[in-house]
Amino acid sequence: MSRPMKHFRLTALAAALIASGNLFAADFPATPPAPGPAPTLSVPTPSSQTLANGLQVISVRRAGLPLVTAQLVVRSGGEMDPPTLAGLADLTANLLTKGAAGKTAPQIAAAAEALGGSLGASAGWDESAVGITVTTPKVPQALQLLSEVVRQPDFSEAELKRSKAQALDDLHLMLSRPTTLASFAASRGVYGDGAYGHSRSGTPGSIPRITRASVQQLHAALYRPDNAMLILTGDITPAQAQQLAQASFGDWARPATPLPARPTGSHAGRLPAVLLIDQHGAGQAGVVAAHPAPSRADRGYYVGTVANAVLGGSYSARLNEEIRIKRGLSYGANSRLMPLHDAGMWLAAAQTKNPSAPQVVELMLGEFKRLGGTRVSADELAARKATLIGGYGRSLETTAGLANEVGDLAVYGVPLDEIGKYIAQVQAVTPKQIEKYADKYLTADAGTVVVVGDASKFAAEIRKTHPQAVLLESTALDLDSPTLQPGSAAK
């Protein structure tokens, strides 16, 4: 169903209800109510201790509900994938729960279920993690299970083969989606052959090259106590956290060899400013625009966070307002600001009909320019701040959400007491700061625009405005190359 028809039917239904007396017109205010006052959050300052082997133990006590979330976080992720082995860190993390310490994958799942929880493992950029949430009396057993899967994984050939097959299936599905492929290409445009430029999930070329030996080697190099932290949030005191950590991880030996050096997160991209990828027969087009952004340590982090909220961080933000709500060109347009360890990316995306792609490109670029060239109004800014603050408050409602927020701070070396300062930092952002930030990081000459879809329906029109746009065939892409074309060295 198209959006205009859906809107018509809802309007007709509302009119019928009003006419019948079951609903009053006053129930549909012309404008939404003004945001209320910002809530106050009471978040205890996290406690941090370090065991003799270098493992950092972070705990946040939340009494009143007998639940504890335990997360073992390694300070390394997809950025550590070796050249030609994109997806190795992700595959390694996923295999942790597929067999360890003599237990099979079903036995590990059953052990977690017997504790009332489930183990989840994954790798992102700059971190890999395994976590579980259990009732307070079950924490010792949960930590023992965490210790086994992190320290004694089997990495069996059978499970590796199964996981590689699943990863390839997932990749083929993701890369068939125009917006996903466009987002991957745009990342190459921002990060080039830097550590964040490749696909963290791997590529159809890299996954088959991953062997059991390469998985074991990555695990041995990165999964070590002096490169890890144990986060415990919920009904637990700092003293209990240290005691439990010592019991389960105190004998985890620190290797004598130094940690591998972190690769540089960003190099100059080598893609054209406007890239068109022909996915012949695609029903829709994915439009993505990406710009370099600062790292998480940047002093303007909160300014960027609020600026992104104005641009495309919610349903009512500018991109969705212009592209979906006003014109019905997409089911959703959004933006994300992704500040990582030593580089960042600001990315906007929308999926639309193929013939509408040129219009969406110009609308997107126009919103970039507007954000960096005019001041945000007080009412709009207040609404976007309220959305951010409400979302942050909800993220802290569960012990797992609290652990995630604390973990992000710790991974990026941000003082842990920042967890209680979010609201004040967001509220302090001014329209002038947003305009200055957007002008600096959304300049047209520094970005990469990628459109993926049936190029026969949009390429000629886009080239009228962007004559230097380059067209590539999706079937001929080399996803391991920083130029996306065969013949270029990977990463």
Protein backbone atom coordinates (compact mmCIF):
# COMPACT_ATOMS: atom_id res chain seq x y z
CA MET A 1 0.00 0.00 0.00
CA SER A 2 1.39 3.41 -0.92
CA ARG A 3 1.69 6.00 1.79
CA PRO A 4 -0.83 8.49 0.30
CA MET A 5 -3.52 5.78 0.12
CA LYS A 6 -2.79 4.67 3.67
CA HIS A 7 -3.02 8.28 4.85
CA PHE A 8 -6.37 8.68 3.01
CA ARG A 9 -7.86 5.60 4.65
CA LEU A 10 -6.78 6.66 8.11
CA THR A 11 -8.23 10.12 7.55
CA ALA A 12 -11.51 8.65 6.32
CA LEU A 13 -11.69 6.40 9.37
CA ALA A 14 -11.09 9.34 11.70
CA ALA A 15 -13.80 11.37 9.93
CA ALA A 16 -16.27 8.50 10.30
CA LEU A 17 -15.53 8.19 14.02
CA ILE A 18 -15.98 11.92 14.53
CA ALA A 19 -19.27 11.87 12.64
CA SER A 20 -20.52 8.98 14.76
CA GLY A 21 -19.73 10.80 17.97
CA ASN A 22 -17.10 8.28 19.07
CA LEU A 23 -14.25 10.72 18.54
CA PHE A 24 -13.99 14.47 18.74
CA ALA A 25 -12.03 16.73 16.41
CA ALA A 26 -10.32 18.13 19.47
CA ASP A 27 -8.61 14.76 19.84
CA PHE A 28 -6.51 15.69 16.81
CA PRO A 29 -4.51 18.77 17.79
CA ALA A 30 -3.22 20.91 14.95
CA THR A 31 0.26 20.87 16.46
CA PRO A 32 1.85 18.43 18.89
CA PRO A 33 2.16 19.54 22.49
CA ALA A 34 5.35 21.30 23.55
CA PRO A 35 8.01 19.08 25.11
CA GLY A 36 7.82 18.87 28.88
CA PRO A 37 10.72 19.58 31.20
CA ALA A 38 13.71 17.28 30.91
CA PRO A 39 13.64 14.42 33.41
CA THR A 40 16.31 14.01 36.03
CA LEU A 41 18.24 10.76 35.99
CA SER A 42 19.73 9.25 39.09
CA VAL A 43 22.52 6.99 37.87
CA PRO A 44 25.18 5.89 40.35
CA THR A 45 28.72 6.62 39.21
CA PRO A 46 30.22 3.37 37.94
CA SER A 47 32.93 1.79 40.06
CA SER A 48 36.12 0.66 38.31
CA GLN A 49 38.77 -1.74 39.60
CA THR A 50 41.57 -3.63 37.88
CA LEU A 51 42.68 -7.17 38.64
CA ALA A 52 46.35 -8.11 38.77
CA ASN A 53 46.16 -9.60 35.26
CA GLY A 54 44.94 -6.30 33.79
CA LEU A 55 41.21 -7.08 33.54
CA GLN A 56 39.16 -3.98 34.27
CA VAL A 57 36.07 -4.66 36.40
CA ILE A 58 33.31 -2.05 36.13
CA SER A 59 30.14 -2.25 38.18
CA VAL A 60 27.03 -0.10 38.60
CA ARG A 61 24.74 -0.95 41.46
CA ARG A 62 20.98 -0.82 40.96
CA ALA A 63 19.32 -2.32 43.99
CA GLY A 64 15.66 -3.20 44.26
CA LEU A 65 15.42 -5.86 41.56
CA PRO A 66 17.48 -9.07 41.89
CA LEU A 67 18.92 -9.00 38.37
CA VAL A 68 22.49 -8.62 37.12
CA THR A 69 23.80 -8.23 33.58
CA ALA A 70 27.33 -9.47 33.00
CA GLN A 71 29.24 -8.48 29.87
CA LEU A 72 32.80 -9.44 29.00
CA VAL A 73 33.96 -6.80 26.51
CA VAL A 74 37.16 -7.02 24.47
CA ARG A 75 38.49 -3.65 23.31
CA SER A 76 38.93 -4.83 19.72
CA GLY A 77 36.51 -5.51 16.89
CA GLY A 78 36.20 -5.48 13.15
CA GLU A 79 38.92 -2.85 12.74
CA MET A 80 41.42 -5.63 13.56
CA ASP A 81 40.41 -7.81 10.61
CA PRO A 82 43.58 -8.66 8.64
CA PRO A 83 43.83 -7.66 4.97
CA THR A 84 41.71 -9.94 2.75
CA LEU A 85 39.90 -11.40 5.81
CA ALA A 86 37.02 -8.97 6.31
CA GLY A 87 34.52 -10.43 8.78
CA LEU A 88 37.06 -12.40 10.82
CA ALA A 89 36.40 -10.61 14.12
CA ASP A 90 32.64 -10.95 13.66
CA LEU A 91 32.90 -14.66 12.85
CA THR A 92 35.26 -15.25 15.80
CA ALA A 93 32.84 -13.63 18.25
CA ASN A 94 29.88 -15.58 16.90
CA LEU A 95 31.78 -18.86 17.31
CA LEU A 96 32.47 -18.32 21.02
CA THR A 97 29.10 -19.75 22.04
CA LYS A 98 29.21 -22.58 19.48
CA GLY A 99 31.41 -24.85 21.58
CA ALA A 100 33.77 -24.29 24.51
CA ALA A 101 35.41 -26.14 27.41
CA GLY A 102 34.05 -29.48 26.21
CA LYS A 103 30.47 -28.21 25.84
CA THR A 104 28.70 -28.24 22.48
CA ALA A 105 26.65 -25.28 21.24
CA PRO A 106 23.35 -26.89 22.41
CA GLN A 107 24.89 -27.65 25.80
CA ILE A 108 26.09 -24.05 26.21
CA ALA A 109 22.64 -22.78 25.28
CA ALA A 110 21.05 -25.21 27.73
CA ALA A 111 23.44 -24.15 30.51
CA ALA A 112 22.51 -20.50 29.97
CA GLU A 113 18.82 -21.37 29.85
CA ALA A 114 19.13 -23.28 33.13
CA LEU A 115 20.38 -20.02 34.68
CA GLY A 116 17.33 -18.18 33.33
CA GLY A 117 19.25 -16.30 30.64
CA SER A 118 20.75 -16.59 27.18
CA LEU A 119 24.26 -15.91 25.97
CA GLY A 120 24.75 -13.37 23.21
CA ALA A 121 28.05 -12.72 21.45
CA SER A 122 28.95 -10.27 18.70
CA ALA A 123 31.68 -8.01 17.37
CA GLY A 124 31.30 -4.36 16.43
CA TRP A 125 33.82 -1.70 15.60
CA ASP A 126 36.33 -1.25 18.43
CA GLU A 127 34.80 -3.97 20.61
CA SER A 128 33.61 -7.57 20.85
CA ALA A 129 31.35 -8.76 23.64
CA VAL A 130 29.62 -11.71 25.27
CA GLY A 131 26.82 -11.07 27.73
CA ILE A 132 24.09 -12.63 29.85
CA THR A 133 21.44 -11.39 32.31
CA VAL A 134 20.48 -13.58 35.28
CA THR A 135 18.99 -13.31 38.74
CA THR A 136 21.44 -12.30 41.47
CA PRO A 137 21.95 -15.79 43.01
CA LYS A 138 22.96 -17.15 39.57
CA VAL A 139 25.74 -14.64 38.91
CA PRO A 140 28.66 -16.92 39.96
CA GLN A 141 27.53 -19.68 37.58
CA ALA A 142 26.88 -17.15 34.81
CA LEU A 143 30.39 -15.74 35.15
CA GLN A 144 31.86 -19.22 35.04
CA LEU A 145 30.00 -19.86 31.78
CA LEU A 146 31.20 -16.51 30.39
CA SER A 147 34.75 -17.40 31.34
CA GLU A 148 34.55 -20.74 29.53
CA VAL A 149 33.25 -19.38 26.22
CA VAL A 150 35.67 -16.43 26.20
CA ARG A 151 38.78 -18.29 27.30
CA GLN A 152 38.28 -21.86 26.03
CA PRO A 153 36.37 -21.76 22.73
CA ASP A 154 36.63 -24.89 20.57
CA PHE A 155 36.39 -23.25 17.14
CA SER A 156 35.54 -26.65 15.67
CA GLU A 157 35.79 -27.13 11.93
CA ALA A 158 32.14 -28.21 11.77
CA GLU A 159 30.87 -25.08 13.53
CA LEU A 160 33.19 -22.86 11.49
CA LYS A 161 31.89 -24.36 8.26
CA ARG A 162 28.29 -23.87 9.41
CA SER A 163 28.92 -20.28 10.51
CA LYS A 164 30.67 -19.40 7.25
CA ALA A 165 27.76 -20.77 5.24
CA GLN A 166 25.32 -18.75 7.34
CA ALA A 167 27.47 -15.62 6.98
CA LEU A 168 27.53 -16.00 3.19
CA ASP A 169 23.76 -16.48 3.05
CA ASP A 170 23.26 -13.36 5.17
CA LEU A 171 25.68 -11.40 2.99
CA HIS A 172 23.95 -12.31 -0.25
CA LEU A 173 20.64 -11.19 1.25
CA MET A 174 22.06 -7.91 2.60
CA LEU A 175 23.88 -7.03 -0.61
CA SER A 176 20.71 -7.59 -2.63
CA ARG A 177 19.18 -4.65 -0.75
CA PRO A 178 20.01 -1.37 -2.51
CA THR A 179 20.37 0.75 0.63
CA THR A 180 22.63 -1.79 2.34
CA LEU A 181 24.96 -1.98 -0.66
CA ALA A 182 24.93 1.82 -0.95
CA SER A 183 25.84 2.16 2.74
CA PHE A 184 28.76 -0.20 2.35
CA ALA A 185 30.05 1.69 -0.68
CA ALA A 186 29.64 5.03 1.11
CA SER A 187 31.75 3.73 4.00
CA ARG A 188 34.53 3.03 1.51
CA GLY A 189 34.16 6.59 0.31
CA VAL A 190 34.71 7.94 3.83
CA TYR A 191 37.27 5.52 5.27
CA GLY A 192 39.05 4.38 2.11
CA ASP A 193 41.43 1.53 2.89
CA GLY A 194 41.48 2.44 6.59
CA ALA A 195 40.47 -0.03 9.27
CA TYR A 196 36.78 0.94 9.18
CA GLY A 197 36.48 0.91 5.40
CA HIS A 198 35.77 -2.77 4.82
CA SER A 199 32.57 -4.66 5.56
CA ARG A 200 32.58 -5.79 9.19
CA SER A 201 30.34 -8.70 8.20
CA GLY A 202 32.79 -9.81 5.54
CA THR A 203 32.40 -10.12 1.79
CA PRO A 204 31.58 -13.02 -0.55
CA GLY A 205 35.30 -13.14 -1.32
CA SER A 206 36.69 -12.87 2.23
CA ILE A 207 34.48 -15.31 4.13
CA PRO A 208 35.67 -18.42 2.21
CA ARG A 209 39.29 -17.43 2.95
CA ILE A 210 38.78 -17.56 6.74
CA THR A 211 40.25 -20.73 8.28
CA ARG A 212 40.23 -22.23 11.74
CA ALA A 213 43.86 -21.16 12.10
CA SER A 214 43.03 -17.53 11.33
CA VAL A 215 40.19 -17.58 13.88
CA GLN A 216 42.45 -19.09 16.53
CA GLN A 217 45.18 -16.57 15.78
CA LEU A 218 42.86 -13.57 16.13
CA HIS A 219 41.44 -14.95 19.37
CA ALA A 220 44.89 -15.56 20.84
CA ALA A 221 46.05 -12.06 19.91
CA LEU A 222 43.04 -10.06 21.14
CA TYR A 223 41.10 -12.05 23.75
CA ARG A 224 43.34 -11.39 26.76
CA PRO A 225 42.68 -9.83 30.18
CA ASP A 226 44.70 -6.66 29.58
CA ASN A 227 42.53 -5.97 26.52
CA ALA A 228 39.21 -6.68 28.21
CA MET A 229 36.72 -5.46 30.79
CA LEU A 230 34.03 -7.18 32.81
CA ILE A 231 30.91 -5.06 33.26
CA LEU A 232 28.39 -5.95 35.97
CA THR A 233 25.22 -3.89 36.36
CA GLY A 234 22.28 -4.43 38.68
CA ASP A 235 21.93 -5.86 42.17
CA ILE A 236 25.63 -6.08 42.96
CA THR A 237 28.13 -4.06 44.99
CA PRO A 238 31.65 -3.11 43.86
CA ALA A 239 33.14 -5.46 46.46
CA GLN A 240 31.00 -8.35 45.23
CA ALA A 241 31.89 -7.52 41.63
CA GLN A 242 35.61 -7.69 42.35
CA GLN A 243 35.28 -10.92 44.30
CA LEU A 244 33.25 -12.62 41.58
CA ALA A 245 35.54 -11.36 38.83
CA GLN A 246 38.57 -12.67 40.69
CA ALA A 247 36.96 -16.08 41.14
CA SER A 248 36.11 -16.51 37.44
CA PHE A 249 38.80 -14.51 35.65
CA GLY A 250 41.61 -13.99 38.16
CA ASP A 251 43.65 -16.89 36.77
CA TRP A 252 43.31 -15.67 33.18
CA ALA A 253 46.97 -15.22 32.30
CA ARG A 254 48.18 -12.05 30.63
CA PRO A 255 50.37 -12.94 27.60
CA ALA A 256 53.96 -11.77 27.61
CA THR A 257 53.64 -10.50 24.04
CA PRO A 258 52.39 -6.93 23.48
CA LEU A 259 48.97 -6.21 22.05
CA PRO A 260 48.85 -5.88 18.26
CA ALA A 261 48.97 -2.28 17.07
CA ARG A 262 45.66 -0.72 16.11
CA PRO A 263 45.47 0.06 12.39
CA THR A 264 44.57 3.59 11.34
CA GLY A 265 40.82 4.06 11.21
CA SER A 266 40.64 6.28 8.15
CA HIS A 267 42.58 6.93 4.96
CA ALA A 268 41.61 9.17 2.08
CA GLY A 269 38.75 7.61 0.13
CA ARG A 270 39.26 6.91 -3.55
CA LEU A 271 35.66 6.81 -4.72
CA PRO A 272 34.05 9.53 -6.85
CA ALA A 273 31.93 12.15 -5.11
CA VAL A 274 28.81 10.68 -6.76
CA LEU A 275 28.75 6.94 -7.44
CA LEU A 276 25.91 5.17 -9.24
CA ILE A 277 25.70 1.37 -8.99
CA ASP A 278 23.45 -0.42 -11.45
CA GLN A 279 21.58 -3.24 -9.74
CA HIS A 280 19.66 -4.22 -12.83
CA GLY A 281 16.03 -5.04 -12.17
CA ALA A 282 16.00 -3.64 -8.63
CA GLY A 283 12.52 -2.54 -7.67
CA GLN A 284 13.76 0.48 -5.72
CA ALA A 285 16.85 2.63 -5.31
CA GLY A 286 18.92 3.16 -2.19
CA VAL A 287 20.28 6.69 -1.72
CA VAL A 288 23.08 7.17 0.79
CA ALA A 289 25.26 10.19 1.49
CA ALA A 290 28.19 9.98 3.90
CA HIS A 291 30.72 12.45 5.30
CA PRO A 292 33.79 12.10 7.50
CA ALA A 293 33.13 12.96 11.14
CA PRO A 294 35.29 13.22 14.27
CA SER A 295 36.09 10.40 16.66
CA ARG A 296 34.21 9.67 19.89
CA ALA A 297 36.85 11.56 21.86
CA ASP A 298 36.05 14.81 20.06
CA ARG A 299 34.92 17.63 22.34
CA GLY A 300 31.99 18.33 20.05
CA TYR A 301 30.45 14.89 20.54
CA TYR A 302 27.23 16.18 22.11
CA VAL A 303 26.90 18.96 19.54
CA GLY A 304 27.14 16.32 16.82
CA THR A 305 24.61 14.14 18.61
CA VAL A 306 22.03 16.93 18.72
CA ALA A 307 22.85 18.05 15.16
CA ASN A 308 22.16 14.54 13.92
CA ALA A 309 18.89 14.44 15.85
CA VAL A 310 17.80 17.56 13.97
CA LEU A 311 18.93 16.21 10.60
CA GLY A 312 17.59 12.68 10.62
CA GLY A 313 17.74 11.00 14.02
CA SER A 314 13.99 10.50 14.45
CA TYR A 315 10.69 10.27 12.57
CA SER A 316 10.04 14.00 12.96
CA ALA A 317 13.55 15.07 11.94
CA ARG A 318 14.22 17.06 8.78
CA LEU A 319 15.15 14.31 6.33
CA ASN A 320 12.05 12.26 7.04
CA GLU A 321 9.91 15.40 7.10
CA GLU A 322 11.07 16.49 3.65
CA ILE A 323 11.41 13.13 1.93
CA ARG A 324 8.63 11.03 3.44
CA ILE A 325 6.07 13.20 5.19
CA LYS A 326 5.86 16.11 2.72
CA ARG A 327 6.50 14.26 -0.55
CA GLY A 328 5.85 10.56 0.07
CA LEU A 329 9.06 9.57 -1.70
CA SER A 330 10.16 6.98 0.86
CA TYR A 331 8.91 4.96 3.78
CA GLY A 332 11.69 6.47 5.85
CA ALA A 333 14.73 8.73 5.60
CA ASN A 334 17.22 8.97 8.44
CA SER A 335 20.76 9.80 9.43
CA ARG A 336 23.30 8.38 11.87
CA LEU A 337 26.39 9.86 13.43
CA MET A 338 28.92 7.10 14.11
CA PRO A 339 31.95 8.35 16.07
CA LEU A 340 34.48 5.55 16.51
CA HIS A 341 37.89 5.23 18.16
CA ASP A 342 39.91 7.42 15.84
CA ALA A 343 37.51 8.44 13.08
CA GLY A 344 33.81 8.84 12.48
CA MET A 345 31.14 8.96 9.79
CA TRP A 346 27.91 10.90 9.32
CA LEU A 347 25.59 8.93 7.07
CA ALA A 348 22.12 9.66 5.69
CA ALA A 349 19.98 7.08 3.90
CA ALA A 350 16.64 6.64 2.19
CA GLN A 351 15.06 4.07 -0.11
CA THR A 352 12.82 5.30 -2.89
CA LYS A 353 11.38 4.47 -6.30
CA ASN A 354 14.06 4.36 -8.98
CA PRO A 355 12.75 7.41 -10.88
CA SER A 356 12.61 9.40 -7.61
CA ALA A 357 16.28 8.87 -6.77
CA PRO A 358 17.51 12.13 -8.38
CA GLN A 359 14.98 14.15 -6.37
CA VAL A 360 15.92 12.39 -3.13
CA VAL A 361 19.62 13.07 -3.76
CA GLU A 362 18.97 16.80 -4.11
CA LEU A 363 16.66 16.91 -1.10
CA MET A 364 19.30 15.18 1.00
CA LEU A 365 22.06 17.52 -0.10
CA GLY A 366 19.76 20.48 0.43
CA GLU A 367 19.12 19.46 4.04
CA PHE A 368 22.85 19.14 4.65
CA LYS A 369 23.36 22.66 3.36
CA ARG A 370 20.45 24.06 5.35
CA LEU A 371 21.68 22.58 8.62
CA GLY A 372 25.09 24.16 8.12
CA GLY A 373 23.78 27.48 6.83
CA THR A 374 20.88 28.46 9.10
CA ARG A 375 20.08 28.39 12.81
CA VAL A 376 17.77 25.74 14.20
CA SER A 377 14.67 27.29 15.76
CA ALA A 378 14.14 27.09 19.50
CA ASP A 379 11.00 24.95 19.16
CA GLU A 380 12.62 22.47 16.78
CA LEU A 381 15.70 22.20 18.94
CA ALA A 382 13.66 21.63 22.09
CA ALA A 383 11.70 18.83 20.39
CA ARG A 384 14.83 17.07 19.15
CA LYS A 385 16.53 17.35 22.53
CA ALA A 386 13.44 15.88 24.20
CA THR A 387 13.59 12.91 21.82
CA LEU A 388 17.27 12.31 22.60
CA ILE A 389 16.82 12.60 26.35
CA GLY A 390 13.77 10.34 26.36
CA GLY A 391 15.60 7.70 24.36
CA TYR A 392 18.61 7.87 26.63
CA GLY A 393 16.46 7.49 29.73
CA ARG A 394 14.78 4.43 28.25
CA SER A 395 18.16 2.90 27.40
CA LEU A 396 19.05 2.93 31.10
CA GLU A 397 15.84 1.27 32.29
CA THR A 398 17.23 -2.26 32.02
CA THR A 399 20.44 -3.68 33.44
CA ALA A 400 21.47 -4.73 29.92
CA GLY A 401 20.93 -1.22 28.58
CA LEU A 402 22.89 0.23 31.48
CA ALA A 403 25.75 -2.18 30.77
CA ASN A 404 25.78 -1.18 27.10
CA GLU A 405 26.00 2.53 27.91
CA VAL A 406 28.77 2.03 30.46
CA GLY A 407 30.64 -0.24 28.07
CA ASP A 408 30.58 2.37 25.30
CA LEU A 409 32.09 4.94 27.64
CA ALA A 410 34.82 2.56 28.77
CA VAL A 411 35.71 1.36 25.26
CA TYR A 412 36.31 4.91 24.09
CA GLY A 413 38.10 6.08 27.21
CA VAL A 414 35.37 8.51 28.25
CA PRO A 415 35.15 9.20 32.01
CA LEU A 416 32.57 6.83 33.43
CA ASP A 417 30.75 9.56 35.34
CA GLU A 418 29.62 10.93 31.94
CA ILE A 419 26.75 8.45 32.17
CA GLY A 420 25.00 10.82 34.57
CA LYS A 421 25.80 13.98 32.60
CA TYR A 422 24.12 13.19 29.31
CA ILE A 423 21.02 15.31 29.87
CA ALA A 424 22.98 18.38 30.94
CA GLN A 425 25.36 18.03 27.99
CA VAL A 426 22.53 17.71 25.48
CA GLN A 427 20.59 20.61 26.99
CA ALA A 428 23.67 22.85 26.77
CA VAL A 429 23.97 22.55 22.95
CA THR A 430 23.08 25.81 21.16
CA PRO A 431 21.78 26.54 17.63
CA LYS A 432 25.02 28.36 16.82
CA GLN A 433 27.09 25.29 17.76
CA ILE A 434 24.93 23.05 15.57
CA GLU A 435 25.24 25.37 12.57
CA LYS A 436 29.01 25.54 12.97
CA TYR A 437 29.36 21.78 13.41
CA ALA A 438 27.20 20.96 10.38
CA ASP A 439 28.98 23.53 8.23
CA LYS A 440 32.30 21.88 9.08
CA TYR A 441 31.31 18.24 8.59
CA LEU A 442 28.59 18.37 5.91
CA THR A 443 30.47 20.31 3.25
CA ALA A 444 29.53 19.04 -0.19
CA ASP A 445 33.09 18.53 -1.42
CA ALA A 446 33.99 16.16 1.42
CA GLY A 447 31.16 13.67 1.06
CA THR A 448 30.29 10.62 -0.99
CA VAL A 449 26.84 10.10 -2.51
CA VAL A 450 25.96 6.56 -3.60
CA VAL A 451 22.80 5.54 -5.44
CA VAL A 452 22.11 1.84 -5.99
CA GLY A 453 19.22 0.59 -8.09
CA ASP A 454 18.07 0.22 -11.68
CA ALA A 455 20.35 2.89 -13.13
CA SER A 456 18.46 3.04 -16.42
CA LYS A 457 15.75 4.91 -14.52
CA PHE A 458 17.90 7.53 -12.74
CA ALA A 459 21.48 7.75 -14.04
CA ALA A 460 20.83 10.20 -16.89
CA GLU A 461 18.83 12.53 -14.66
CA ILE A 462 21.42 12.53 -11.87
CA ARG A 463 24.19 13.25 -14.37
CA LYS A 464 22.41 16.44 -15.46
CA THR A 465 23.23 17.89 -12.04
CA HIS A 466 26.33 15.80 -11.33
CA PRO A 467 28.02 15.23 -14.70
CA GLN A 468 31.08 13.63 -13.09
CA ALA A 469 29.03 10.80 -11.54
CA VAL A 470 30.57 7.37 -12.17
CA LEU A 471 28.47 4.31 -13.02
CA LEU A 472 29.50 0.79 -11.95
CA GLU A 473 27.76 -2.54 -12.41
CA SER A 474 26.82 -4.29 -9.15
CA THR A 475 27.78 -7.67 -10.62
CA ALA A 476 31.33 -6.43 -11.32
CA LEU A 477 32.08 -4.91 -7.90
CA ASP A 478 35.10 -6.07 -5.92
CA LEU A 479 33.89 -5.55 -2.36
CA ASP A 480 37.38 -6.20 -0.96
CA SER A 481 38.81 -3.27 -2.91
CA PRO A 482 38.83 0.33 -1.57
CA THR A 483 37.84 1.46 -5.08
CA LEU A 484 35.19 -1.31 -5.42
CA GLN A 485 36.84 -2.24 -8.70
CA PRO A 486 39.05 -5.26 -9.44
CA GLY A 487 42.77 -4.76 -9.49
CA SER A 488 43.08 -2.62 -6.33
CA ALA A 489 44.74 -3.94 -3.20
CA ALA A 490 42.38 -4.90 -0.38
CA LYS A 491 42.15 -2.57 2.60
